[in-house]
Amino acid sequence: MIVIFSEKLKKLMELIEPYEEYDFENGGSKLVNDAPEEVKKLFPEYIALRHKELSGLD
């Protein structure tokens, strides 16, 4: 399956993914402690947009 993300999500991914890690205790994504403030502010929008785009897939 090929997934095509929106340009907005692609840009957010490029910025945030280097600071993202899997949270094994809570079963989701989280930011590493040294993530820049800009990344911390955009993280909730990134998670919501990623969820929205992936939930549309069957």
Foldseek 3Di string as FASTA:
>chain_A
DDADADPVLVVLCVQAVVQWDADPVVGGIDGHPPRDPVNVVCVVVNVVRVCVRVVVDD
